N, C-alpha and C. Protein backbone atom coordinates (compact mmCIF):
# COMPACT_ATOMS: atom_id res chain seq x y z
N UNK A 1 138.09 222.60 56.78
CA UNK A 1 137.55 222.80 55.20
C UNK A 1 138.56 222.51 54.45
N UNK A 2 138.36 222.22 53.13
CA UNK A 2 139.30 221.36 52.21
C UNK A 2 139.21 222.91 50.77
N UNK A 3 140.63 223.13 50.84
CA UNK A 3 141.12 224.31 49.46
C UNK A 3 140.54 223.48 48.03
N UNK A 4 140.14 224.12 47.49
CA UNK A 4 140.18 223.76 45.66
C UNK A 4 141.62 222.93 45.33
N UNK A 5 142.66 223.09 45.56
CA UNK A 5 143.75 222.25 45.14
C UNK A 5 143.35 220.89 45.92
N UNK A 6 143.34 221.20 47.23
CA UNK A 6 143.26 219.53 47.74
C UNK A 6 142.13 218.68 47.14
N UNK A 7 141.28 219.09 46.91
CA UNK A 7 140.03 218.74 46.33
C UNK A 7 140.24 217.85 44.72
N UNK A 8 141.19 218.66 44.48
CA UNK A 8 141.30 218.80 42.63
C UNK A 8 142.40 217.34 42.66
N UNK A 9 143.11 217.15 43.68
CA UNK A 9 144.26 216.27 44.36
C UNK A 9 143.38 214.93 44.54
N UNK A 10 142.44 215.23 45.19
CA UNK A 10 141.84 213.73 45.46
C UNK A 10 140.86 213.68 44.02
N UNK A 11 140.04 214.32 43.51
CA UNK A 11 139.47 214.11 42.51
C UNK A 11 140.21 213.34 41.45
N UNK A 12 141.70 213.82 40.86
CA UNK A 12 142.75 213.00 39.69
C UNK A 12 142.90 211.69 40.80
N UNK A 13 142.98 211.71 41.93
CA UNK A 13 142.96 210.22 42.55
C UNK A 13 141.97 209.20 41.91
N UNK A 14 140.66 209.85 42.28
CA UNK A 14 139.66 208.97 41.93
C UNK A 14 139.35 208.57 40.49
N UNK A 15 139.69 209.76 39.77
CA UNK A 15 139.81 209.33 38.21
C UNK A 15 140.89 208.11 37.79
N UNK A 16 142.32 208.64 38.45
CA UNK A 16 143.12 207.80 38.41
C UNK A 16 142.88 206.14 38.62
N UNK A 17 142.11 205.92 39.47
CA UNK A 17 141.53 204.53 40.24
C UNK A 17 140.70 204.12 38.98
N UNK A 18 139.46 204.97 38.79
CA UNK A 18 138.90 204.59 37.98
C UNK A 18 139.41 204.32 36.43
N UNK A 19 140.12 205.01 36.17
CA UNK A 19 140.98 204.27 34.72
C UNK A 19 141.69 203.22 34.71
N UNK A 20 142.37 202.76 36.19
CA UNK A 20 142.80 201.26 36.73
C UNK A 20 142.19 200.29 36.58
N UNK A 21 140.48 200.72 37.15
CA UNK A 21 139.73 199.43 37.21
C UNK A 21 139.15 199.36 35.44
N UNK A 22 138.94 200.80 34.92
CA UNK A 22 138.62 200.36 33.26
C UNK A 22 139.50 199.34 32.61
N UNK A 23 141.18 199.52 32.56
CA UNK A 23 141.74 198.72 32.41
C UNK A 23 141.83 197.25 32.34
N UNK A 24 141.40 197.03 34.12
CA UNK A 24 141.27 195.44 34.55
C UNK A 24 140.04 195.07 33.82
N UNK A 25 138.75 195.95 33.88
CA UNK A 25 137.59 195.21 33.23
C UNK A 25 137.78 194.92 32.10
N UNK A 26 138.73 195.39 31.15
CA UNK A 26 138.99 195.61 29.86
C UNK A 26 139.68 194.35 29.55
N UNK A 27 140.52 193.91 30.19
CA UNK A 27 141.41 192.96 30.32
C UNK A 27 140.66 191.42 30.44
N UNK A 28 139.55 191.86 31.65
CA UNK A 28 138.57 190.54 32.02
C UNK A 28 137.52 190.43 30.69
N UNK A 29 137.02 191.15 30.49
CA UNK A 29 136.33 191.03 28.76
C UNK A 29 136.85 190.32 27.65
N UNK A 30 137.97 190.87 27.64
CA UNK A 30 138.81 190.32 26.28
C UNK A 30 139.05 188.67 26.68
N UNK A 31 139.51 188.56 27.94
CA UNK A 31 139.59 187.22 28.36
C UNK A 31 138.47 186.00 28.73
N UNK A 32 137.27 186.83 28.60
CA UNK A 32 135.95 185.67 28.74
C UNK A 32 135.71 185.48 30.17
N UNK A 33 136.42 186.37 31.01
CA UNK A 33 136.09 185.96 32.52
C UNK A 33 135.02 186.97 32.92
N UNK A 34 134.03 186.13 33.83
CA UNK A 34 132.82 186.87 34.22
C UNK A 34 133.18 187.66 35.55
N UNK A 35 132.74 188.97 35.68
CA UNK A 35 132.76 189.64 36.62
C UNK A 35 131.39 190.55 36.95
N UNK A 36 131.32 191.02 38.16
CA UNK A 36 130.23 192.48 37.99
C UNK A 36 130.88 193.11 39.07
N UNK A 37 130.51 194.21 39.06
CA UNK A 37 131.16 195.15 39.97
C UNK A 37 130.03 195.49 41.51
N UNK A 38 130.39 195.11 42.45
CA UNK A 38 129.63 195.45 43.63
C UNK A 38 129.39 196.78 43.97
N UNK A 39 128.69 197.57 44.60
CA UNK A 39 128.72 198.77 44.35
C UNK A 39 128.91 199.05 46.27
N UNK A 40 128.56 198.00 47.74
CA UNK A 40 129.35 198.05 48.56
C UNK A 40 129.32 196.35 49.17
N UNK A 41 130.53 196.21 49.91
CA UNK A 41 130.23 195.28 50.86
C UNK A 41 130.20 195.54 51.91
N UNK A 42 129.34 194.79 52.79
CA UNK A 42 128.84 195.63 53.82
C UNK A 42 129.06 194.26 55.24
N UNK A 43 129.88 194.48 56.41
CA UNK A 43 129.94 193.50 57.39
C UNK A 43 127.94 193.83 58.31
N UNK A 44 127.26 193.04 58.52
CA UNK A 44 126.35 193.64 59.37
C UNK A 44 126.11 192.20 60.73
N UNK A 45 126.81 193.16 61.63
CA UNK A 45 126.84 191.72 62.76
C UNK A 45 127.74 191.17 62.21
N UNK A 46 127.74 189.70 62.15
CA UNK A 46 128.94 188.78 61.76
C UNK A 46 128.49 188.43 60.71
N UNK A 47 127.82 189.02 59.51
CA UNK A 47 127.75 188.54 58.18
C UNK A 47 128.25 189.16 57.17
N UNK A 48 128.48 189.00 56.19
CA UNK A 48 128.99 190.24 55.17
C UNK A 48 127.80 190.09 53.87
N UNK A 49 127.23 191.19 53.40
CA UNK A 49 126.33 191.27 52.21
C UNK A 49 127.17 191.67 51.20
N UNK A 50 126.47 191.89 50.11
CA UNK A 50 126.71 192.61 48.84
C UNK A 50 125.57 193.53 48.38
N UNK A 51 125.82 194.67 48.29
CA UNK A 51 124.63 195.78 48.14
C UNK A 51 124.91 196.18 47.07
N UNK A 52 123.68 196.47 46.22
CA UNK A 52 123.49 197.41 45.06
C UNK A 52 122.57 197.89 45.09
N UNK A 53 123.38 199.66 45.04
CA UNK A 53 122.41 200.94 45.52
C UNK A 53 122.20 201.65 44.07
N UNK A 54 120.72 202.08 44.44
CA UNK A 54 120.64 203.14 43.24
C UNK A 54 119.64 204.19 43.68
N UNK A 55 119.58 204.90 42.88
CA UNK A 55 119.50 206.71 43.33
C UNK A 55 118.16 206.91 42.01
N UNK A 56 117.04 207.00 42.22
CA UNK A 56 115.85 206.91 41.36
C UNK A 56 114.46 207.25 41.44
N UNK A 57 113.85 207.73 40.66
CA UNK A 57 112.57 208.17 41.15
C UNK A 57 112.14 206.77 40.72
N UNK A 58 110.66 206.48 41.61
CA UNK A 58 109.89 205.47 41.82
C UNK A 58 109.22 205.09 40.34
N UNK A 59 109.21 203.88 40.07
CA UNK A 59 108.32 203.73 38.63
C UNK A 59 106.69 203.75 39.38
N UNK A 60 106.11 203.96 38.50
CA UNK A 60 104.60 204.51 38.95
C UNK A 60 103.76 203.61 38.20
N UNK A 61 102.58 203.23 38.42
CA UNK A 61 101.62 202.34 38.10
C UNK A 61 101.00 203.26 37.28
N UNK A 62 100.74 202.02 35.97
CA UNK A 62 100.18 200.53 36.30
C UNK A 62 101.22 199.68 36.35
N UNK A 63 101.72 198.84 36.71
CA UNK A 63 100.56 197.72 37.47
C UNK A 63 100.59 198.40 38.73
N UNK A 64 102.01 198.91 39.17
CA UNK A 64 102.09 199.05 40.96
C UNK A 64 103.24 200.30 40.76
N UNK A 65 102.92 200.88 41.81
CA UNK A 65 104.09 201.65 42.17
C UNK A 65 105.50 201.08 42.68
N UNK A 66 106.55 200.91 42.18
CA UNK A 66 107.89 200.41 42.76
C UNK A 66 109.24 200.82 42.20
N UNK A 67 110.05 199.99 42.67
CA UNK A 67 111.40 200.23 42.38
C UNK A 67 112.35 199.01 41.52
N UNK A 68 113.13 198.85 40.98
CA UNK A 68 113.61 197.90 40.75
C UNK A 68 115.40 197.98 40.27
N UNK A 69 115.47 197.08 39.28
CA UNK A 69 117.24 197.04 38.75
C UNK A 69 117.10 196.38 37.13
N UNK A 70 118.09 196.21 36.84
CA UNK A 70 117.87 195.69 34.97
C UNK A 70 118.42 194.10 35.81
N UNK A 71 117.33 193.50 35.16
CA UNK A 71 117.66 192.03 35.49
C UNK A 71 118.84 191.30 35.55
N UNK A 72 119.52 191.60 34.48
CA UNK A 72 121.13 190.62 34.78
C UNK A 72 121.89 191.02 36.03
N UNK A 73 121.39 192.56 36.51
CA UNK A 73 122.05 192.87 37.95
C UNK A 73 121.57 191.88 38.86
N UNK A 74 119.85 191.34 39.08
CA UNK A 74 119.39 190.64 39.84
C UNK A 74 119.92 189.47 39.82
N UNK A 75 119.82 188.74 38.20
CA UNK A 75 120.54 187.26 38.41
C UNK A 75 122.03 187.13 38.56
N UNK A 76 122.77 188.13 38.23
CA UNK A 76 124.27 188.21 38.87
C UNK A 76 124.41 187.95 40.58
N UNK A 77 123.67 188.85 40.80
CA UNK A 77 123.81 188.96 42.43
C UNK A 77 122.99 187.66 43.19
N UNK A 78 122.30 187.01 42.31
CA UNK A 78 121.73 185.97 42.92
C UNK A 78 122.35 184.58 42.77
N UNK A 79 122.81 184.44 41.95
CA UNK A 79 124.44 183.77 41.35
C UNK A 79 125.41 183.87 42.16
N UNK A 80 125.69 184.83 42.43
CA UNK A 80 126.93 185.11 43.44
C UNK A 80 126.41 185.01 44.97
N UNK A 81 125.23 184.65 45.21
CA UNK A 81 124.80 184.99 46.94
C UNK A 81 124.59 182.90 46.85
N UNK A 82 124.27 181.99 46.21
CA UNK A 82 123.99 180.81 45.67
C UNK A 82 125.26 180.24 45.72
N UNK A 83 126.45 180.90 45.05
CA UNK A 83 127.74 180.34 45.44
C UNK A 83 128.73 180.32 46.58
N UNK A 84 128.68 181.50 46.72
CA UNK A 84 129.22 182.19 48.16
C UNK A 84 128.76 181.96 49.40
N UNK A 85 127.15 182.03 49.62
CA UNK A 85 126.27 182.40 50.67
C UNK A 85 126.72 183.59 51.19
N UNK A 86 127.12 184.51 50.57
CA UNK A 86 126.71 186.13 50.89
C UNK A 86 125.83 186.67 50.67
N UNK A 87 124.51 187.17 51.37
CA UNK A 87 123.50 187.28 50.72
C UNK A 87 123.37 188.98 49.87
N UNK A 88 122.71 189.06 49.16
CA UNK A 88 122.23 190.26 48.03
C UNK A 88 121.14 190.91 48.63
N UNK A 89 121.38 192.13 48.52
CA UNK A 89 120.67 193.64 49.03
C UNK A 89 120.43 194.40 47.96
N UNK A 90 119.27 194.33 47.61
CA UNK A 90 119.09 196.22 46.84
C UNK A 90 118.68 197.04 48.21
N UNK A 91 119.30 198.18 47.88
CA UNK A 91 118.92 199.83 48.17
C UNK A 91 118.35 200.67 47.65
N UNK A 92 117.33 201.28 47.50
CA UNK A 92 117.58 202.35 46.36
C UNK A 92 117.01 203.67 47.41
N UNK A 93 117.55 204.22 46.83
CA UNK A 93 117.12 206.00 47.48
C UNK A 93 116.28 206.47 46.33
N UNK A 94 115.07 206.68 46.85
CA UNK A 94 114.22 207.31 45.83
C UNK A 94 114.37 208.77 46.16
N UNK A 95 114.44 209.30 44.86
CA UNK A 95 115.41 210.90 44.49
C UNK A 95 114.11 211.82 44.84
N UNK A 96 112.80 211.14 44.83
CA UNK A 96 112.06 212.50 45.48
C UNK A 96 111.76 212.50 46.50
N UNK A 97 111.20 211.30 47.41
CA UNK A 97 110.60 211.53 48.46
C UNK A 97 111.38 211.14 49.55
N UNK A 98 112.79 210.92 49.04
CA UNK A 98 113.83 210.87 50.50
C UNK A 98 113.85 209.71 51.05
N UNK A 99 113.12 208.63 50.87
CA UNK A 99 113.04 207.30 51.50
C UNK A 99 113.79 206.07 50.64
N UNK A 100 114.41 205.61 51.80
CA UNK A 100 115.31 204.19 50.91
C UNK A 100 114.47 203.05 51.32
N UNK A 101 114.50 202.33 50.03
CA UNK A 101 113.76 200.86 50.26
C UNK A 101 114.95 200.25 50.24
N UNK A 102 114.84 199.07 50.67
CA UNK A 102 115.42 197.86 50.57
C UNK A 102 114.96 196.80 51.48
N UNK A 103 115.67 195.40 50.38
CA UNK A 103 115.27 194.39 50.49
C UNK A 103 116.19 193.41 50.46
N UNK A 104 116.09 191.92 50.90
CA UNK A 104 116.83 190.89 50.29
C UNK A 104 116.99 190.69 49.24
N UNK A 105 117.57 190.12 48.02
CA UNK A 105 117.21 190.26 46.82
C UNK A 105 116.74 188.75 46.48
N UNK A 106 116.86 187.73 47.36
CA UNK A 106 115.76 186.89 47.36
C UNK A 106 114.87 186.76 47.97
N UNK A 107 114.36 187.25 48.69
CA UNK A 107 113.12 187.81 48.82
C UNK A 107 112.22 188.81 47.81
N UNK A 108 112.94 189.36 46.97
CA UNK A 108 112.24 190.08 46.09
C UNK A 108 112.12 189.07 44.65
N UNK A 109 112.67 187.98 44.73
CA UNK A 109 112.64 187.67 43.76
C UNK A 109 111.17 186.70 43.85
N UNK A 110 110.83 186.30 45.17
CA UNK A 110 109.54 185.99 45.24
C UNK A 110 108.41 186.90 45.14
N UNK A 111 108.60 187.89 45.21
CA UNK A 111 108.04 188.65 44.99
C UNK A 111 107.01 189.06 44.01
N UNK A 112 105.78 189.75 43.24
CA UNK A 112 105.40 190.08 42.37
C UNK A 112 106.15 190.95 41.68
N UNK A 113 106.29 190.99 40.08
CA UNK A 113 107.17 191.70 39.40
C UNK A 113 106.73 192.26 38.12
N UNK A 114 107.48 193.47 37.50
CA UNK A 114 106.77 194.06 36.54
C UNK A 114 107.93 194.11 35.71
N UNK A 115 108.04 193.93 34.16
CA UNK A 115 108.85 193.72 33.39
C UNK A 115 108.84 195.05 32.59
N UNK A 116 110.00 196.57 32.63
CA UNK A 116 109.80 197.90 31.86
C UNK A 116 109.98 197.21 30.64
N UNK A 117 109.88 198.32 29.80
CA UNK A 117 110.36 198.03 28.34
C UNK A 117 111.15 199.23 27.71
N UNK A 118 111.54 199.29 26.77
CA UNK A 118 112.62 200.16 26.40
C UNK A 118 114.33 199.93 26.49
N UNK A 119 114.80 201.26 26.28
CA UNK A 119 116.41 201.11 26.16
C UNK A 119 116.94 200.31 27.45
N UNK A 120 116.46 200.76 28.50
CA UNK A 120 116.79 200.15 29.62
C UNK A 120 116.02 199.37 30.71
N UNK A 121 115.62 198.42 30.20
CA UNK A 121 114.36 197.38 30.74
C UNK A 121 114.90 197.17 32.59
N UNK A 122 113.98 197.37 33.13
CA UNK A 122 114.30 197.24 34.52
C UNK A 122 112.96 196.14 34.93
N UNK A 123 113.40 195.53 36.01
CA UNK A 123 112.46 194.33 36.68
C UNK A 123 112.06 195.89 37.74
N UNK A 124 110.74 195.75 38.09
CA UNK A 124 110.17 196.49 39.02
C UNK A 124 109.25 195.29 40.24
N UNK A 125 109.95 196.07 41.30
CA UNK A 125 109.01 195.37 42.05
C UNK A 125 108.07 196.36 43.15
N UNK A 126 106.96 196.07 44.15
CA UNK A 126 106.30 196.52 44.40
C UNK A 126 106.69 197.40 45.64
N UNK A 127 106.27 198.58 46.15
CA UNK A 127 106.81 199.21 47.03
C UNK A 127 106.47 198.12 48.34
N UNK A 128 105.84 197.80 48.76
CA UNK A 128 105.45 196.50 49.72
C UNK A 128 106.04 195.46 50.04
N UNK A 129 107.03 195.21 48.65
CA UNK A 129 108.11 194.18 49.07
C UNK A 129 109.20 194.71 49.94
N UNK A 130 109.41 196.00 49.67
CA UNK A 130 110.47 196.67 50.57
C UNK A 130 110.23 196.90 52.02
N UNK A 131 111.26 197.02 52.56
CA UNK A 131 111.52 197.44 54.08
C UNK A 131 111.75 198.87 53.90
N UNK A 132 111.50 199.89 54.54
CA UNK A 132 111.94 201.28 54.41
C UNK A 132 112.24 202.30 55.54
N UNK A 133 112.96 203.15 55.14
CA UNK A 133 113.50 204.11 56.18
C UNK A 133 113.65 205.71 55.64
N UNK A 134 113.13 206.62 56.52
CA UNK A 134 113.21 208.08 55.60
C UNK A 134 114.77 208.26 56.13
N UNK A 135 115.01 209.02 54.96
CA UNK A 135 116.61 209.96 55.27
C UNK A 135 116.22 211.32 56.09
N UNK A 136 117.29 211.67 56.86
CA UNK A 136 116.89 212.99 57.35
C UNK A 136 117.56 213.98 56.60
N UNK A 137 116.92 215.07 56.87
CA UNK A 137 117.38 216.17 55.78
C UNK A 137 118.24 216.72 56.44
């Protein structure tokens, strides 16, 4: 078990790392260098994958129940996949049901989709487009 001081020191290191990442992102932005931040790079068997991970409530019908992500993230990950051969995966932890929905993004791109409106629009794919498993409690 960790005491509070050790936890605080670890949190300080995380904050310091985030500050460094922000400095570098600012430099990239100012120099018009394209980038995105991957959530996870994962080696499955002998192949690397790039994973985009979401933790969100399900989008409810109409037109269908589903999960998704901002269009720019889908496009950036698919461009990365085309250029590198590293396959992009979307994983969504449903915050209500504790089900993890996942699928390769190139497969999702072939699926029916719905574009939400509002401040943070998303492309939503029907639940049937995903593979799934339940988290143990």
